[in-house]
Amino acid sequence: QVQLMESGGGLVQAGGSLRLSCAASRNIFRFNAMGWYRQAPGNQRELVARLTSGGSTNYADSVKGRFTISRDGAKNTVYLQMNSLKPEDTAVYYCNVEFFSTYWGQGTQVTVSS
């Protein structure tokens, strides 16, 4: 079992920045991968950024160059730094862990006003 606790969402104006955090209950380097997904109303949940245990990353085309995923092993935490935010980034953001099974955080709302 893995418990995930997200934080850092909120309301920001277009062009602003937010940093999301996801604290895991276990050593994150044991996970195959950690990532961030998002789901806007009426849309399917989509991958935003993913970080493997080996350090490889991949990003959705819509966030490349603006978002950065990173981790802190000492804190068992993965981050999503979001810069140059756009109204279309508005969604609930979910932390995800791949570790024998798939685990999800409770989600954190990000709202970008125009």
Protein backbone atom coordinates (compact mmCIF):
# COMPACT_ATOMS: atom_id res chain seq x y z
CA GLN A 1 0.00 0.00 0.00
CA VAL A 2 1.08 3.52 -0.78
CA GLN A 3 -0.53 6.64 0.62
CA LEU A 4 -0.13 9.89 -1.26
CA MET A 5 -0.74 13.38 0.07
CA GLU A 6 -0.93 16.23 -2.43
CA SER A 7 -0.69 19.93 -1.77
CA GLY A 8 -0.01 23.20 -3.54
CA GLY A 9 -3.05 23.75 -5.69
CA GLY A 10 -4.94 27.01 -5.79
CA LEU A 11 -6.08 29.98 -7.82
CA VAL A 12 -3.56 31.87 -9.93
CA GLN A 13 -3.70 34.37 -12.76
CA ALA A 14 -2.61 33.43 -16.25
CA GLY A 15 1.15 33.65 -16.56
CA GLY A 16 1.66 32.80 -12.93
CA SER A 17 3.27 29.82 -11.26
CA LEU A 18 2.37 27.09 -8.80
CA ARG A 19 4.25 24.16 -7.36
CA LEU A 20 2.42 20.97 -6.52
CA SER A 21 3.81 18.49 -4.01
CA CYS A 22 3.03 14.83 -3.50
CA ALA A 23 4.37 13.16 -0.37
CA ALA A 24 4.47 9.38 -0.42
CA SER A 25 4.33 7.01 2.53
CA ARG A 26 7.18 4.89 1.18
CA ASN A 27 10.63 5.29 -0.32
CA ILE A 28 9.94 6.80 -3.73
CA PHE A 29 13.01 5.23 -5.32
CA ARG A 30 11.31 1.84 -4.97
CA PHE A 31 8.54 2.99 -7.30
CA ASN A 32 8.69 2.20 -11.01
CA ALA A 33 7.48 5.70 -11.71
CA MET A 34 5.69 8.69 -10.27
CA GLY A 35 3.64 11.16 -12.19
CA TRP A 36 1.03 13.85 -12.36
CA TYR A 37 -2.24 13.60 -14.22
CA ARG A 38 -5.04 16.09 -14.56
CA GLN A 39 -8.73 16.03 -15.28
CA ALA A 40 -10.79 18.98 -16.36
CA PRO A 41 -14.60 18.93 -16.22
CA GLY A 42 -15.99 16.86 -19.06
CA ASN A 43 -12.58 15.56 -20.04
CA GLN A 44 -10.73 12.32 -19.48
CA ARG A 45 -7.85 12.16 -17.07
CA GLU A 46 -4.62 12.82 -18.94
CA LEU A 47 -0.93 12.45 -18.25
CA VAL A 48 0.86 15.70 -17.49
CA ALA A 49 4.33 14.53 -16.48
CA ARG A 50 5.98 11.27 -15.48
CA LEU A 51 9.29 10.49 -13.80
CA THR A 52 10.72 6.98 -13.75
CA SER A 53 12.89 5.47 -11.05
CA GLY A 54 15.82 5.84 -13.42
CA GLY A 55 15.24 9.54 -13.82
CA SER A 56 13.64 9.60 -17.26
CA THR A 57 10.86 12.10 -17.78
CA ASN A 58 8.09 12.61 -20.26
CA TYR A 59 5.61 15.43 -20.57
CA ALA A 60 2.38 16.14 -22.35
CA ASP A 61 3.04 18.28 -25.41
CA SER A 62 0.80 20.99 -23.98
CA VAL A 63 3.06 21.53 -20.95
CA LYS A 64 6.54 21.00 -22.40
CA GLY A 65 8.80 23.90 -21.58
CA ARG A 66 6.45 25.18 -18.89
CA PHE A 67 6.15 22.36 -16.34
CA THR A 68 8.92 20.43 -14.62
CA ILE A 69 8.62 17.25 -12.59
CA SER A 70 11.23 16.54 -9.92
CA ARG A 71 11.69 14.57 -6.72
CA ASP A 72 13.30 14.76 -3.31
CA GLY A 73 14.22 11.32 -2.01
CA ALA A 74 14.92 12.57 1.48
CA LYS A 75 11.33 13.78 1.72
CA ASN A 76 9.77 11.01 -0.39
CA THR A 77 8.14 13.77 -2.38
CA VAL A 78 7.61 14.47 -6.04
CA TYR A 79 6.95 17.98 -7.30
CA LEU A 80 5.37 19.59 -10.31
CA GLN A 81 6.61 23.10 -10.96
CA MET A 82 4.13 24.85 -13.21
CA ASN A 83 5.15 28.10 -14.87
CA SER A 84 3.48 30.33 -17.45
CA LEU A 85 0.11 28.89 -16.49
CA LYS A 86 -2.78 29.18 -18.91
CA PRO A 87 -6.54 29.01 -18.32
CA GLU A 88 -6.56 25.68 -20.14
CA ASP A 89 -4.35 24.25 -17.38
CA THR A 90 -7.33 24.49 -15.03
CA ALA A 91 -8.09 21.02 -13.72
CA VAL A 92 -7.87 18.71 -10.75
CA TYR A 93 -4.31 17.42 -10.60
CA TYR A 94 -3.64 13.91 -9.31
CA CYS A 95 -0.43 12.35 -8.13
CA ASN A 96 0.18 8.82 -9.42
CA VAL A 97 2.52 6.03 -8.38
CA GLU A 98 3.33 2.82 -10.25
CA PHE A 99 4.45 0.21 -7.70
CA PHE A 100 3.18 -3.30 -8.44
CA SER A 101 -0.18 -1.59 -8.67
CA THR A 102 -1.30 1.94 -9.40
CA TYR A 103 -1.98 4.43 -6.64
CA TRP A 104 -3.64 7.84 -6.79
CA GLY A 105 -3.71 10.86 -4.56
CA GLN A 106 -6.93 12.60 -3.66
CA GLY A 107 -6.39 15.39 -6.18
CA THR A 108 -5.74 19.09 -5.84
CA GLN A 109 -7.58 21.83 -7.72
CA VAL A 110 -5.64 24.21 -9.92
CA THR A 111 -7.58 27.15 -11.32
CA VAL A 112 -6.00 29.62 -13.72
CA SER A 113 -7.91 32.82 -14.34
CA SER A 114 -7.59 34.82 -17.54
